[in-house]
């Protein structure tokens, strides 16, 4: 998936980092925000279909490679494709979320309705010194 939202900053084209956190009183209607995920599902489904096709091709190539026996030394092993996705689970480890973002070339959407889930993985990332890096790079448009 290409980065479609871009703007000029510091003499180069960048894609923005958007972070939104909604806070409201109980029964204020925040639950409707879970429907935002439905808008992104077609994008996610298309990406996952592409991943499934690439994985099937990889498995075929890997089976051929494994069947070569001693001849394997003469050929390169197939490389597993990245596990790209657009919708990234917030109920994940900090490392898992970071890996999802890396596999997806820095593009993804985390829709999480529970603040404690987000705060838990933010603490884990912060513990390893990754939160400031991700937020700082997003703010200053450096690659994450």
Foldseek 3Di string as FASTA:
>chain_A
DDQDDWDDDPRDIFRADDDDDDDDDPPPPPVVVVCVVVVCVVVQVVLQVVLVVQQVVLVVQQVVLVVVVPCNVVDDRDDRQQREGAEDELQDALVRSVSNCVSNQNHHDYDDDDPVSNVVNLVRCVVVPRNCVVVVCNVVVHGD
